[in-house]
N, C-alpha and C. Protein backbone atom coordinates (compact mmCIF):
# COMPACT_ATOMS: atom_id res chain seq x y z
N GLN A 1 170.62 308.35 127.45
CA GLN A 1 171.49 309.47 127.11
C GLN A 1 170.87 310.76 127.65
N VAL A 2 171.73 311.73 127.94
CA VAL A 2 171.25 312.99 128.50
C VAL A 2 171.24 314.06 127.41
N GLN A 3 170.25 314.93 127.45
CA GLN A 3 170.17 316.06 126.52
C GLN A 3 170.59 317.34 127.25
N LEU A 4 171.31 318.20 126.55
CA LEU A 4 171.92 319.38 127.16
C LEU A 4 171.53 320.64 126.40
N VAL A 5 171.21 321.69 127.16
CA VAL A 5 170.89 322.99 126.56
C VAL A 5 171.65 324.07 127.31
N GLU A 6 172.53 324.78 126.58
CA GLU A 6 173.32 325.85 127.20
C GLU A 6 172.59 327.19 127.09
N SER A 7 172.93 328.09 127.99
CA SER A 7 172.45 329.47 127.93
C SER A 7 173.44 330.36 128.65
N GLY A 8 173.30 331.67 128.44
CA GLY A 8 174.11 332.63 129.18
C GLY A 8 175.24 333.27 128.39
N GLY A 9 175.43 332.88 127.16
CA GLY A 9 176.48 333.51 126.36
C GLY A 9 176.10 334.94 125.99
N GLY A 10 177.05 335.65 125.40
CA GLY A 10 176.79 337.02 124.99
C GLY A 10 178.05 337.79 124.72
N LEU A 11 177.89 339.10 124.63
CA LEU A 11 179.00 340.02 124.37
C LEU A 11 179.35 340.75 125.66
N VAL A 12 180.64 340.77 125.98
CA VAL A 12 181.09 341.43 127.21
C VAL A 12 182.44 342.08 126.94
N GLN A 13 182.72 343.15 127.67
CA GLN A 13 184.02 343.80 127.53
C GLN A 13 185.08 343.04 128.30
N ALA A 14 186.31 343.20 127.87
CA ALA A 14 187.43 342.58 128.59
C ALA A 14 187.42 343.00 130.05
N GLY A 15 187.67 342.02 130.92
CA GLY A 15 187.61 342.26 132.36
C GLY A 15 186.26 341.97 132.97
N GLY A 16 185.26 341.78 132.13
CA GLY A 16 183.91 341.52 132.62
C GLY A 16 183.68 340.05 132.96
N SER A 17 182.43 339.75 133.31
CA SER A 17 182.07 338.40 133.74
C SER A 17 180.81 337.92 133.02
N LEU A 18 180.71 336.62 132.87
CA LEU A 18 179.51 335.96 132.38
C LEU A 18 179.35 334.66 133.13
N ARG A 19 178.11 334.19 133.23
CA ARG A 19 177.86 332.86 133.79
C ARG A 19 177.06 332.05 132.77
N LEU A 20 177.65 330.93 132.37
CA LEU A 20 176.96 330.00 131.47
C LEU A 20 176.24 328.95 132.30
N SER A 21 175.10 328.52 131.78
CA SER A 21 174.33 327.44 132.40
C SER A 21 174.11 326.34 131.39
N CYS A 22 174.01 325.13 131.88
CA CYS A 22 173.74 323.97 131.02
C CYS A 22 172.70 323.11 131.73
N ALA A 23 171.50 323.08 131.18
CA ALA A 23 170.42 322.30 131.76
C ALA A 23 170.37 320.93 131.11
N ALA A 24 170.28 319.91 131.93
CA ALA A 24 170.31 318.53 131.44
C ALA A 24 168.97 317.85 131.67
N SER A 25 168.62 316.97 130.77
CA SER A 25 167.42 316.15 130.93
C SER A 25 167.74 314.76 130.42
N GLY A 26 166.98 313.79 130.89
CA GLY A 26 167.22 312.42 130.47
C GLY A 26 167.71 311.57 131.62
N ARG A 27 168.78 310.83 131.38
CA ARG A 27 169.31 309.94 132.40
C ARG A 27 169.79 310.71 133.62
N ALA A 28 169.98 310.00 134.73
CA ALA A 28 170.35 310.60 136.02
C ALA A 28 171.56 311.52 135.87
N PHE A 29 171.31 312.80 136.03
CA PHE A 29 172.34 313.82 135.86
C PHE A 29 173.49 313.62 136.83
N SER A 30 173.17 313.25 138.07
CA SER A 30 174.20 313.15 139.10
C SER A 30 175.22 312.04 138.80
N ASP A 31 174.89 311.12 137.92
CA ASP A 31 175.81 310.03 137.58
C ASP A 31 176.94 310.50 136.65
N TYR A 32 176.75 311.64 136.02
CA TYR A 32 177.66 312.08 134.97
C TYR A 32 178.73 313.03 135.50
N ALA A 33 179.96 312.84 135.00
CA ALA A 33 180.89 313.95 135.01
C ALA A 33 180.41 314.94 133.95
N MET A 34 180.60 316.22 134.22
CA MET A 34 180.16 317.26 133.29
C MET A 34 181.34 318.16 132.95
N GLY A 35 181.32 318.70 131.76
CA GLY A 35 182.43 319.55 131.35
C GLY A 35 182.00 320.68 130.45
N TRP A 36 182.91 321.62 130.31
CA TRP A 36 182.77 322.71 129.35
C TRP A 36 183.98 322.69 128.42
N PHE A 37 183.70 322.85 127.14
CA PHE A 37 184.72 322.98 126.11
C PHE A 37 184.44 324.27 125.35
N ARG A 38 185.42 324.72 124.59
CA ARG A 38 185.21 325.86 123.73
C ARG A 38 185.95 325.67 122.42
N GLN A 39 185.44 326.35 121.40
CA GLN A 39 186.06 326.28 120.09
C GLN A 39 186.03 327.65 119.45
N ALA A 40 187.21 328.20 119.21
CA ALA A 40 187.34 329.48 118.54
C ALA A 40 187.45 329.24 117.04
N PRO A 41 187.15 330.24 116.23
CA PRO A 41 187.22 330.07 114.76
C PRO A 41 188.60 329.59 114.32
N GLY A 42 188.62 328.54 113.52
CA GLY A 42 189.87 328.03 112.99
C GLY A 42 190.69 327.20 113.95
N LYS A 43 190.15 326.92 115.14
CA LYS A 43 190.87 326.16 116.15
C LYS A 43 190.09 324.91 116.55
N GLY A 44 190.79 323.98 117.19
CA GLY A 44 190.14 322.78 117.67
C GLY A 44 189.37 323.02 118.96
N ARG A 45 188.62 322.00 119.37
CA ARG A 45 187.84 322.11 120.59
C ARG A 45 188.77 321.95 121.79
N GLU A 46 188.68 322.88 122.73
CA GLU A 46 189.59 322.96 123.87
C GLU A 46 188.85 322.67 125.17
N PHE A 47 189.43 321.84 126.02
CA PHE A 47 188.87 321.58 127.35
C PHE A 47 188.99 322.84 128.20
N VAL A 48 187.88 323.23 128.83
CA VAL A 48 187.87 324.41 129.69
C VAL A 48 187.79 324.01 131.16
N ALA A 49 186.81 323.17 131.51
CA ALA A 49 186.61 322.79 132.91
C ALA A 49 185.79 321.52 132.99
N GLY A 50 185.99 320.77 134.07
CA GLY A 50 185.22 319.56 134.30
C GLY A 50 184.91 319.41 135.78
N ILE A 51 183.84 318.67 136.07
CA ILE A 51 183.45 318.42 137.46
C ILE A 51 182.86 317.03 137.53
N ASN A 52 183.30 316.24 138.52
CA ASN A 52 182.78 314.87 138.60
C ASN A 52 181.61 314.81 139.57
N TRP A 53 181.16 313.57 139.85
CA TRP A 53 179.96 313.38 140.65
C TRP A 53 180.14 313.88 142.08
N SER A 54 181.42 313.88 142.58
CA SER A 54 181.67 314.34 143.95
C SER A 54 182.16 315.79 143.97
N ARG A 55 181.98 316.49 142.86
CA ARG A 55 182.30 317.91 142.75
C ARG A 55 183.79 318.23 142.77
N ILE A 56 184.61 317.26 142.45
CA ILE A 56 186.02 317.53 142.20
C ILE A 56 186.13 318.18 140.83
N THR A 57 186.97 319.19 140.71
CA THR A 57 187.02 319.98 139.48
C THR A 57 188.39 319.95 138.82
N SER A 58 188.40 320.19 137.53
CA SER A 58 189.62 320.35 136.74
C SER A 58 189.44 321.54 135.81
N TYR A 59 190.57 322.19 135.46
CA TYR A 59 190.51 323.37 134.60
C TYR A 59 191.64 323.33 133.58
N GLY A 60 191.35 323.90 132.41
CA GLY A 60 192.40 324.11 131.45
C GLY A 60 193.34 325.20 131.94
N ASP A 61 194.59 325.14 131.53
CA ASP A 61 195.60 326.07 132.04
C ASP A 61 195.23 327.52 131.75
N SER A 62 194.60 327.76 130.62
CA SER A 62 194.33 329.15 130.21
C SER A 62 193.22 329.81 131.02
N VAL A 63 192.46 329.04 131.79
CA VAL A 63 191.34 329.62 132.54
C VAL A 63 191.48 329.47 134.05
N LYS A 64 192.52 328.78 134.49
CA LYS A 64 192.69 328.57 135.93
C LYS A 64 192.76 329.91 136.67
N GLY A 65 192.02 329.99 137.78
CA GLY A 65 192.00 331.21 138.57
C GLY A 65 190.99 332.24 138.09
N ARG A 66 190.40 332.02 136.91
CA ARG A 66 189.41 332.97 136.38
C ARG A 66 188.03 332.35 136.23
N PHE A 67 187.98 331.08 135.90
CA PHE A 67 186.71 330.38 135.67
C PHE A 67 186.44 329.40 136.81
N THR A 68 185.15 329.20 137.11
CA THR A 68 184.75 328.25 138.14
C THR A 68 183.58 327.42 137.63
N ILE A 69 183.74 326.10 137.67
CA ILE A 69 182.65 325.21 137.30
C ILE A 69 181.96 324.72 138.57
N SER A 70 180.64 324.57 138.49
CA SER A 70 179.88 324.06 139.63
C SER A 70 178.66 323.32 139.09
N ARG A 71 178.03 322.56 139.95
CA ARG A 71 176.84 321.82 139.54
C ARG A 71 175.81 321.84 140.65
N ASP A 72 174.55 321.83 140.24
CA ASP A 72 173.42 321.73 141.16
C ASP A 72 172.62 320.50 140.72
N ASN A 73 172.81 319.39 141.40
CA ASN A 73 172.15 318.14 140.99
C ASN A 73 170.64 318.22 141.17
N ALA A 74 170.17 319.02 142.11
CA ALA A 74 168.72 319.17 142.31
C ALA A 74 168.07 319.85 141.11
N LYS A 75 168.83 320.70 140.42
CA LYS A 75 168.31 321.42 139.25
C LYS A 75 168.81 320.83 137.94
N ASN A 76 169.59 319.74 138.01
CA ASN A 76 170.14 319.12 136.80
C ASN A 76 170.88 320.16 135.94
N THR A 77 171.67 320.97 136.59
CA THR A 77 172.32 322.07 135.89
C THR A 77 173.79 322.17 136.29
N VAL A 78 174.61 322.47 135.30
CA VAL A 78 176.02 322.77 135.55
C VAL A 78 176.28 324.19 135.09
N TYR A 79 177.16 324.87 135.81
CA TYR A 79 177.43 326.28 135.56
C TYR A 79 178.91 326.50 135.26
N LEU A 80 179.18 327.57 134.53
CA LEU A 80 180.55 328.02 134.34
C LEU A 80 180.57 329.53 134.60
N GLN A 81 181.13 329.90 135.75
CA GLN A 81 181.30 331.31 136.08
C GLN A 81 182.63 331.77 135.48
N MET A 82 182.57 332.79 134.64
CA MET A 82 183.76 333.27 133.93
C MET A 82 184.03 334.72 134.35
N ASN A 83 185.14 334.93 135.01
CA ASN A 83 185.53 336.26 135.48
C ASN A 83 186.79 336.73 134.77
N ASN A 84 187.02 338.02 134.80
CA ASN A 84 188.20 338.62 134.18
C ASN A 84 188.38 338.10 132.75
N LEU A 85 187.32 338.21 131.99
CA LEU A 85 187.35 337.67 130.63
C LEU A 85 188.32 338.44 129.75
N LYS A 86 188.93 337.71 128.81
CA LYS A 86 189.90 338.26 127.89
C LYS A 86 189.43 338.06 126.46
N PRO A 87 189.88 338.87 125.52
CA PRO A 87 189.47 338.66 124.12
C PRO A 87 189.77 337.25 123.62
N GLU A 88 190.83 336.64 124.11
CA GLU A 88 191.16 335.27 123.67
C GLU A 88 190.21 334.22 124.23
N ASP A 89 189.29 334.62 125.11
CA ASP A 89 188.25 333.70 125.58
C ASP A 89 187.08 333.62 124.60
N THR A 90 187.09 334.46 123.57
CA THR A 90 186.03 334.45 122.57
C THR A 90 185.97 333.10 121.87
N ALA A 91 184.79 332.48 121.91
CA ALA A 91 184.62 331.15 121.33
C ALA A 91 183.17 330.73 121.48
N VAL A 92 182.82 329.64 120.83
CA VAL A 92 181.57 328.95 121.12
C VAL A 92 181.86 327.97 122.26
N TYR A 93 181.06 328.04 123.30
CA TYR A 93 181.23 327.20 124.48
C TYR A 93 180.20 326.07 124.45
N TYR A 94 180.70 324.86 124.68
CA TYR A 94 179.87 323.66 124.63
C TYR A 94 179.85 322.97 125.98
N CYS A 95 178.67 322.54 126.37
CA CYS A 95 178.52 321.71 127.55
C CYS A 95 178.65 320.25 127.13
N ALA A 96 179.22 319.42 128.01
CA ALA A 96 179.44 318.02 127.70
C ALA A 96 179.07 317.16 128.89
N ALA A 97 178.49 316.00 128.61
CA ALA A 97 178.14 315.03 129.65
C ALA A 97 178.94 313.76 129.44
N GLY A 98 179.45 313.22 130.54
CA GLY A 98 180.27 312.03 130.45
C GLY A 98 181.69 312.37 130.02
N GLY A 99 182.46 311.33 129.72
CA GLY A 99 183.79 311.57 129.17
C GLY A 99 184.92 311.55 130.16
N SER A 100 184.62 311.34 131.44
CA SER A 100 185.73 311.23 132.38
C SER A 100 186.17 309.76 132.46
N ARG A 101 187.33 309.53 133.02
CA ARG A 101 187.86 308.18 133.17
C ARG A 101 188.19 307.93 134.64
N PHE A 102 187.83 306.75 135.10
CA PHE A 102 188.13 306.32 136.47
C PHE A 102 187.57 307.30 137.51
N GLY A 103 186.42 307.90 137.21
CA GLY A 103 185.77 308.78 138.17
C GLY A 103 186.40 310.14 138.32
N GLY A 104 187.33 310.49 137.45
CA GLY A 104 188.00 311.78 137.55
C GLY A 104 187.15 312.93 137.06
N SER A 105 187.71 314.13 137.13
CA SER A 105 186.98 315.32 136.73
C SER A 105 187.43 315.86 135.38
N TYR A 106 188.54 315.38 134.86
CA TYR A 106 188.95 315.81 133.51
C TYR A 106 188.08 315.09 132.51
N VAL A 107 187.55 315.83 131.55
CA VAL A 107 186.65 315.26 130.55
C VAL A 107 187.38 315.12 129.22
N PHE A 108 187.41 313.94 128.70
CA PHE A 108 188.06 313.65 127.42
C PHE A 108 187.04 313.81 126.31
N SER A 109 187.31 314.71 125.37
CA SER A 109 186.32 315.00 124.33
C SER A 109 185.96 313.75 123.53
N SER A 110 186.91 312.84 123.37
CA SER A 110 186.65 311.63 122.59
C SER A 110 185.68 310.70 123.30
N ASP A 111 185.53 310.87 124.61
CA ASP A 111 184.68 309.98 125.41
C ASP A 111 183.34 310.61 125.77
N VAL A 112 183.11 311.86 125.38
CA VAL A 112 181.88 312.55 125.75
C VAL A 112 180.67 311.82 125.17
N GLU A 113 179.64 311.66 125.98
CA GLU A 113 178.43 310.96 125.54
C GLU A 113 177.42 311.91 124.89
N SER A 114 177.34 313.13 125.40
CA SER A 114 176.37 314.08 124.87
C SER A 114 176.97 315.48 124.85
N TRP A 115 176.65 316.22 123.80
CA TRP A 115 177.09 317.61 123.65
C TRP A 115 175.87 318.53 123.58
N GLY A 116 176.02 319.73 124.13
CA GLY A 116 175.01 320.75 123.90
C GLY A 116 175.20 321.39 122.54
N GLN A 117 174.34 322.32 122.22
CA GLN A 117 174.36 322.95 120.90
C GLN A 117 175.37 324.08 120.82
N GLY A 118 175.86 324.55 121.96
CA GLY A 118 176.85 325.61 121.99
C GLY A 118 176.23 326.98 122.22
N THR A 119 177.00 327.86 122.87
CA THR A 119 176.58 329.23 123.09
C THR A 119 177.78 330.15 122.85
N GLN A 120 177.55 331.23 122.13
CA GLN A 120 178.63 332.12 121.73
C GLN A 120 179.00 333.07 122.86
N VAL A 121 180.29 333.16 123.13
CA VAL A 121 180.83 334.16 124.06
C VAL A 121 181.80 335.03 123.27
N THR A 122 181.57 336.33 123.30
CA THR A 122 182.43 337.27 122.60
C THR A 122 182.93 338.32 123.59
N VAL A 123 184.25 338.45 123.66
CA VAL A 123 184.88 339.40 124.58
C VAL A 123 185.56 340.48 123.75
N SER A 124 185.12 341.71 123.93
CA SER A 124 185.70 342.82 123.17
C SER A 124 186.82 343.47 123.96
N SER A 125 187.81 343.98 123.23
CA SER A 125 188.97 344.60 123.89
C SER A 125 188.73 346.08 124.14
């Protein structure tokens, strides 16, 4: 199993940018599809972005065109670049390993093998 540690969260004004990082250790990182989810207070966990072993990506509708997921297999790290942030992006963001089906890039939360501890992103208006 892979262990995940997120970093890069914080407070930013609307329209600003943040980059989240997720460092992985354990089993071969390059074998895993990786994803980002978020959970706002009182809401369920929402798929944000996913990337498979061949760097094919998927995005949730609410972040398409603003967020970009990428991975560096040499550094065992996956990133989430978040631009043009909105107050509704405020949430705890979680990194996830595994959870794709048939080699795809969409990550199913029910199939995720490992979760990070989460990092808070707060966007002020």
